[in-house]
C-alpha atoms as a PDB file:
ATOM      1  CA  UNK A   1     -91.390 192.996 -46.185  1.00  0.00           C
ATOM      2  CA  UNK A   2     -92.809 190.502 -48.196  1.00  0.00           C
ATOM      3  CA  UNK A   3     -96.360 191.433 -49.638  1.00  0.00           C
ATOM      4  CA  UNK A   4     -99.345 189.787 -49.420  1.00  0.00           C
ATOM      5  CA  UNK A   5    -100.498 190.133 -53.326  1.00  0.00           C
ATOM      6  CA  UNK A   6     -97.941 188.801 -55.616  1.00  0.00           C
ATOM      7  CA  UNK A   7    -100.052 190.564 -58.626  1.00  0.00           C
ATOM      8  CA  UNK A   8     -97.585 192.905 -59.018  1.00  0.00           C
ATOM      9  CA  UNK A   9     -94.572 190.291 -59.288  1.00  0.00           C
ATOM     10  CA  UNK A  10     -96.489 189.130 -61.901  1.00  0.00           C
ATOM     11  CA  UNK A  11     -96.943 192.062 -63.780  1.00  0.00           C
ATOM     12  CA  UNK A  12     -93.175 192.562 -63.633  1.00  0.00           C
ATOM     13  CA  UNK A  13     -91.949 188.956 -64.908  1.00  0.00           C
ATOM     14  CA  UNK A  14     -94.536 189.160 -67.677  1.00  0.00           C
ATOM     15  CA  UNK A  15     -93.098 192.531 -68.576  1.00  0.00           C
ATOM     16  CA  UNK A  16     -89.511 191.550 -68.587  1.00  0.00           C
ATOM     17  CA  UNK A  17     -89.928 187.855 -70.189  1.00  0.00           C
ATOM     18  CA  UNK A  18     -91.788 189.813 -73.227  1.00  0.00           C
ATOM     19  CA  UNK A  19     -88.974 192.098 -72.910  1.00  0.00           C
ATOM     20  CA  UNK A  20     -86.232 188.982 -73.153  1.00  0.00           C
ATOM     21  CA  UNK A  21     -88.004 188.114 -76.112  1.00  0.00           C
ATOM     22  CA  UNK A  22     -89.522 185.248 -74.538  1.00  0.00           C
ATOM     23  CA  UNK A  23     -93.176 184.077 -74.242  1.00  0.00           C
ATOM     24  CA  UNK A  24     -95.081 182.794 -71.999  1.00  0.00           C
ATOM     25  CA  UNK A  25     -96.957 179.594 -71.189  1.00  0.00           C
ATOM     26  CA  UNK A  26     -99.659 179.348 -69.129  1.00  0.00           C
ATOM     27  CA  UNK A  27     -98.934 175.984 -67.307  1.00  0.00           C
ATOM     28  CA  UNK A  28     -98.487 173.891 -63.990  1.00  0.00           C
ATOM     29  CA  UNK A  29     -95.354 172.127 -63.659  1.00  0.00           C
ATOM     30  CA  UNK A  30     -96.310 168.831 -61.695  1.00  0.00           C
ATOM     31  CA  UNK A  31     -94.116 167.500 -59.199  1.00  0.00           C
ATOM     32  CA  UNK A  32     -93.400 164.150 -60.928  1.00  0.00           C
ATOM     33  CA  UNK A  33     -92.079 165.730 -63.377  1.00  0.00           C
ATOM     34  CA  UNK A  34     -87.691 165.886 -62.880  1.00  0.00           C
ATOM     35  CA  UNK A  35     -87.262 169.111 -62.012  1.00  0.00           C
ATOM     36  CA  UNK A  36     -84.350 171.731 -60.801  1.00  0.00           C
ATOM     37  CA  UNK A  37     -85.156 174.364 -58.190  1.00  0.00           C
ATOM     38  CA  UNK A  38     -83.682 178.097 -58.676  1.00  0.00           C
ATOM     39  CA  UNK A  39     -82.519 178.911 -55.436  1.00  0.00           C
ATOM     40  CA  UNK A  40     -84.768 182.116 -54.343  1.00  0.00           C
ATOM     41  CA  UNK A  41     -81.628 184.356 -52.950  1.00  0.00           C
ATOM     42  CA  UNK A  42     -83.230 187.896 -53.076  1.00  0.00           C
ATOM     43  CA  UNK A  43     -86.099 189.550 -53.976  1.00  0.00           C
ATOM     44  CA  UNK A  44     -84.837 189.950 -58.232  1.00  0.00           C
ATOM     45  CA  UNK A  45     -83.189 186.074 -58.267  1.00  0.00           C
ATOM     46  CA  UNK A  46     -85.975 185.543 -60.534  1.00  0.00           C
ATOM     47  CA  UNK A  47     -84.667 188.367 -63.140  1.00  0.00           C
ATOM     48  CA  UNK A  48     -82.247 186.000 -63.303  1.00  0.00           C
ATOM     49  CA  UNK A  49     -83.472 182.708 -63.492  1.00  0.00           C
ATOM     50  CA  UNK A  50     -85.418 184.086 -66.870  1.00  0.00           C
ATOM     51  CA  UNK A  51     -82.305 185.505 -68.039  1.00  0.00           C
ATOM     52  CA  UNK A  52     -80.623 181.813 -67.280  1.00  0.00           C
ATOM     53  CA  UNK A  53     -83.940 180.521 -69.386  1.00  0.00           C
ATOM     54  CA  UNK A  54     -82.949 183.025 -72.563  1.00  0.00           C
ATOM     55  CA  UNK A  55     -78.990 181.812 -72.201  1.00  0.00           C
ATOM     56  CA  UNK A  56     -79.779 178.114 -72.814  1.00  0.00           C
ATOM     57  CA  UNK A  57     -81.828 179.013 -76.028  1.00  0.00           C
ATOM     58  CA  UNK A  58     -85.229 178.671 -74.012  1.00  0.00           C
ATOM     59  CA  UNK A  59     -88.370 179.604 -76.569  1.00  0.00           C
ATOM     60  CA  UNK A  60     -90.893 180.445 -73.721  1.00  0.00           C
ATOM     61  CA  UNK A  61     -91.440 180.128 -69.541  1.00  0.00           C
ATOM     62  CA  UNK A  62     -94.145 178.227 -67.945  1.00  0.00           C
ATOM     63  CA  UNK A  63     -95.877 180.378 -65.544  1.00  0.00           C
ATOM     64  CA  UNK A  64     -98.531 179.144 -63.282  1.00  0.00           C
ATOM     65  CA  UNK A  65    -100.452 181.234 -60.572  1.00  0.00           C
ATOM     66  CA  UNK A  66    -102.374 180.684 -57.117  1.00  0.00           C
ATOM     67  CA  UNK A  67    -105.306 183.349 -56.583  1.00  0.00           C
ATOM     68  CA  UNK A  68    -106.842 182.130 -53.281  1.00  0.00           C
ATOM     69  CA  UNK A  69    -110.867 182.038 -54.563  1.00  0.00           C
ATOM     70  CA  UNK A  70    -113.666 182.003 -51.773  1.00  0.00           C
ATOM     71  CA  UNK A  71    -114.422 178.440 -52.491  1.00  0.00           C
ATOM     72  CA  UNK A  72    -111.203 177.114 -51.561  1.00  0.00           C
ATOM     73  CA  UNK A  73    -111.398 178.716 -47.758  1.00  0.00           C
ATOM     74  CA  UNK A  74    -115.274 177.670 -47.722  1.00  0.00           C
ATOM     75  CA  UNK A  75    -114.028 173.619 -48.435  1.00  0.00           C
ATOM     76  CA  UNK A  76    -110.796 174.008 -46.143  1.00  0.00           C
ATOM     77  CA  UNK A  77    -113.241 175.570 -43.453  1.00  0.00           C
ATOM     78  CA  UNK A  78    -115.763 172.315 -43.917  1.00  0.00           C
ATOM     79  CA  UNK A  79    -112.974 169.994 -43.725  1.00  0.00           C
ATOM     80  CA  UNK A  80    -111.281 170.886 -40.381  1.00  0.00           C
ATOM     81  CA  UNK A  81    -114.623 171.295 -39.262  1.00  0.00           C
ATOM     82  CA  UNK A  82    -115.229 167.538 -40.312  1.00  0.00           C
ATOM     83  CA  UNK A  83    -111.866 166.723 -38.321  1.00  0.00           C
ATOM     84  CA  UNK A  84    -112.715 169.429 -35.361  1.00  0.00           C
ATOM     85  CA  UNK A  85    -115.152 167.202 -34.092  1.00  0.00           C
ATOM     86  CA  UNK A  86    -115.760 167.168 -31.192  1.00  0.00           C
ATOM     87  CA  UNK A  87    -113.809 170.415 -30.869  1.00  0.00           C
ATOM     88  CA  UNK A  88    -116.007 173.147 -33.401  1.00  0.00           C
ATOM     89  CA  UNK A  89    -113.433 175.827 -31.253  1.00  0.00           C
ATOM     90  CA  UNK A  90    -109.833 174.088 -32.780  1.00  0.00           C
ATOM     91  CA  UNK A  91    -107.048 176.671 -33.305  1.00  0.00           C
ATOM     92  CA  UNK A  92    -107.092 175.760 -37.154  1.00  0.00           C
ATOM     93  CA  UNK A  93    -110.724 177.086 -37.575  1.00  0.00           C
ATOM     94  CA  UNK A  94    -109.247 180.154 -36.052  1.00  0.00           C
ATOM     95  CA  UNK A  95    -106.537 180.359 -38.597  1.00  0.00           C
ATOM     96  CA  UNK A  96    -108.701 179.510 -41.689  1.00  0.00           C
ATOM     97  CA  UNK A  97    -110.467 182.220 -40.526  1.00  0.00           C
ATOM     98  CA  UNK A  98    -107.805 185.372 -40.811  1.00  0.00           C
ATOM     99  CA  UNK A  99    -107.377 183.846 -44.624  1.00  0.00           C
ATOM    100  CA  UNK A 100    -110.815 184.961 -45.959  1.00  0.00           C
ATOM    101  CA  UNK A 101    -108.803 188.455 -45.971  1.00  0.00           C
ATOM    102  CA  UNK A 102    -106.771 187.035 -48.910  1.00  0.00           C
ATOM    103  CA  UNK A 103    -109.379 186.075 -51.150  1.00  0.00           C
ATOM    104  CA  UNK A 104    -108.403 187.485 -54.487  1.00  0.00           C
ATOM    105  CA  UNK A 105    -105.135 187.876 -54.085  1.00  0.00           C
ATOM    106  CA  UNK A 106    -102.156 185.834 -55.482  1.00  0.00           C
ATOM    107  CA  UNK A 107    -100.358 183.720 -53.137  1.00  0.00           C
ATOM    108  CA  UNK A 108     -98.156 181.820 -55.343  1.00  0.00           C
ATOM    109  CA  UNK A 109     -96.358 181.927 -58.695  1.00  0.00           C
ATOM    110  CA  UNK A 110     -94.179 179.249 -60.488  1.00  0.00           C
ATOM    111  CA  UNK A 111     -91.783 179.878 -63.765  1.00  0.00           C
ATOM    112  CA  UNK A 112     -90.032 177.067 -65.151  1.00  0.00           C
ATOM    113  CA  UNK A 113     -88.463 176.202 -68.481  1.00  0.00           C
ATOM    114  CA  UNK A 114     -87.624 172.513 -70.077  1.00  0.00           C
ATOM    115  CA  UNK A 115     -83.330 172.222 -70.908  1.00  0.00           C
ATOM    116  CA  UNK A 116     -81.883 168.720 -71.558  1.00  0.00           C
ATOM    117  CA  UNK A 117     -84.782 166.601 -70.023  1.00  0.00           C
ATOM    118  CA  UNK A 118     -85.687 168.422 -66.994  1.00  0.00           C
ATOM    119  CA  UNK A 119     -87.403 171.387 -66.025  1.00  0.00           C
ATOM    120  CA  UNK A 120     -86.234 174.264 -64.570  1.00  0.00           C
ATOM    121  CA  UNK A 121     -88.243 175.994 -62.110  1.00  0.00           C
ATOM    122  CA  UNK A 122     -88.414 179.139 -59.585  1.00  0.00           C
ATOM    123  CA  UNK A 123     -91.832 179.289 -57.387  1.00  0.00           C
ATOM    124  CA  UNK A 124     -92.214 182.096 -54.761  1.00  0.00           C
ATOM    125  CA  UNK A 125     -95.103 182.409 -52.811  1.00  0.00           C
ATOM    126  CA  UNK A 126     -96.576 184.393 -49.483  1.00  0.00           C
ATOM    127  CA  UNK A 127     -96.711 183.469 -45.873  1.00  0.00           C
ATOM    128  CA  UNK A 128    -100.566 183.859 -46.259  1.00  0.00           C
ATOM    129  CA  UNK A 129    -100.842 180.888 -48.937  1.00  0.00           C
ATOM    130  CA  UNK A 130     -97.541 178.196 -47.419  1.00  0.00           C
ATOM    131  CA  UNK A 131    -100.271 178.587 -44.528  1.00  0.00           C
ATOM    132  CA  UNK A 132    -103.140 177.714 -46.464  1.00  0.00           C
ATOM    133  CA  UNK A 133    -101.322 175.026 -48.147  1.00  0.00           C
ATOM    134  CA  UNK A 134    -100.110 173.293 -44.150  1.00  0.00           C
ATOM    135  CA  UNK A 135    -103.280 173.429 -43.761  1.00  0.00           C
ATOM    136  CA  UNK A 136    -104.649 171.378 -46.369  1.00  0.00           C
ATOM    137  CA  UNK A 137    -101.755 169.189 -46.048  1.00  0.00           C
ATOM    138  CA  UNK A 138    -103.030 168.432 -42.299  1.00  0.00           C
ATOM    139  CA  UNK A 139    -106.447 168.303 -43.390  1.00  0.00           C
ATOM    140  CA  UNK A 140    -105.358 165.456 -46.101  1.00  0.00           C
ATOM    141  CA  UNK A 141    -103.057 163.565 -43.802  1.00  0.00           C
ATOM    142  CA  UNK A 142    -106.667 163.786 -41.405  1.00  0.00           C
ATOM    143  CA  UNK A 143    -108.407 162.110 -44.252  1.00  0.00           C
ATOM    144  CA  UNK A 144    -106.435 158.924 -44.647  1.00  0.00           C
ATOM    145  CA  UNK A 145    -105.837 158.130 -41.161  1.00  0.00           C
ATOM    146  CA  UNK A 146    -107.544 154.716 -39.825  1.00  0.00           C
ATOM    147  CA  UNK A 147    -109.007 154.527 -36.788  1.00  0.00           C
ATOM    148  CA  UNK A 148    -108.992 150.976 -35.583  1.00  0.00           C
ATOM    149  CA  UNK A 149    -111.101 151.256 -32.125  1.00  0.00           C
ATOM    150  CA  UNK A 150    -112.294 147.743 -32.292  1.00  0.00           C
ATOM    151  CA  UNK A 151    -111.898 145.842 -28.632  1.00  0.00           C
ATOM    152  CA  UNK A 152    -108.414 144.201 -28.256  1.00  0.00           C
ATOM    153  CA  UNK A 153    -109.317 140.751 -26.257  1.00  0.00           C
END
């Protein structure tokens, strides 16, 4: 069963990284950086990732987390309301309201290390975080749509 808060996993990662003599650098590796993604093959596969970093001589790993904030939900709800007009009872609003119970919880973790010009990355997330991301992306996609309501003659 997947937890709904990755805080204990983060704590385990911090201890394991330090135990291997590696340092942590708080940073998020963006999509525009050449990257190789480590395939998650089980609950402890991140340990293999850290051991690979040590094996190639990485001195540090990047580490990033996303903790759901009250402001994140408020912004999402506002955007959903704007895009749900004239149907304020749209299903997405109910889904967004359900995310309130995850405020303050960590939903996403990323580890990374540089090797031979690429970033090697390990990512893990909760189900609610993935749902949150999908909702953000759908609102962003809707915001980019241009409606042409000119009459065609």
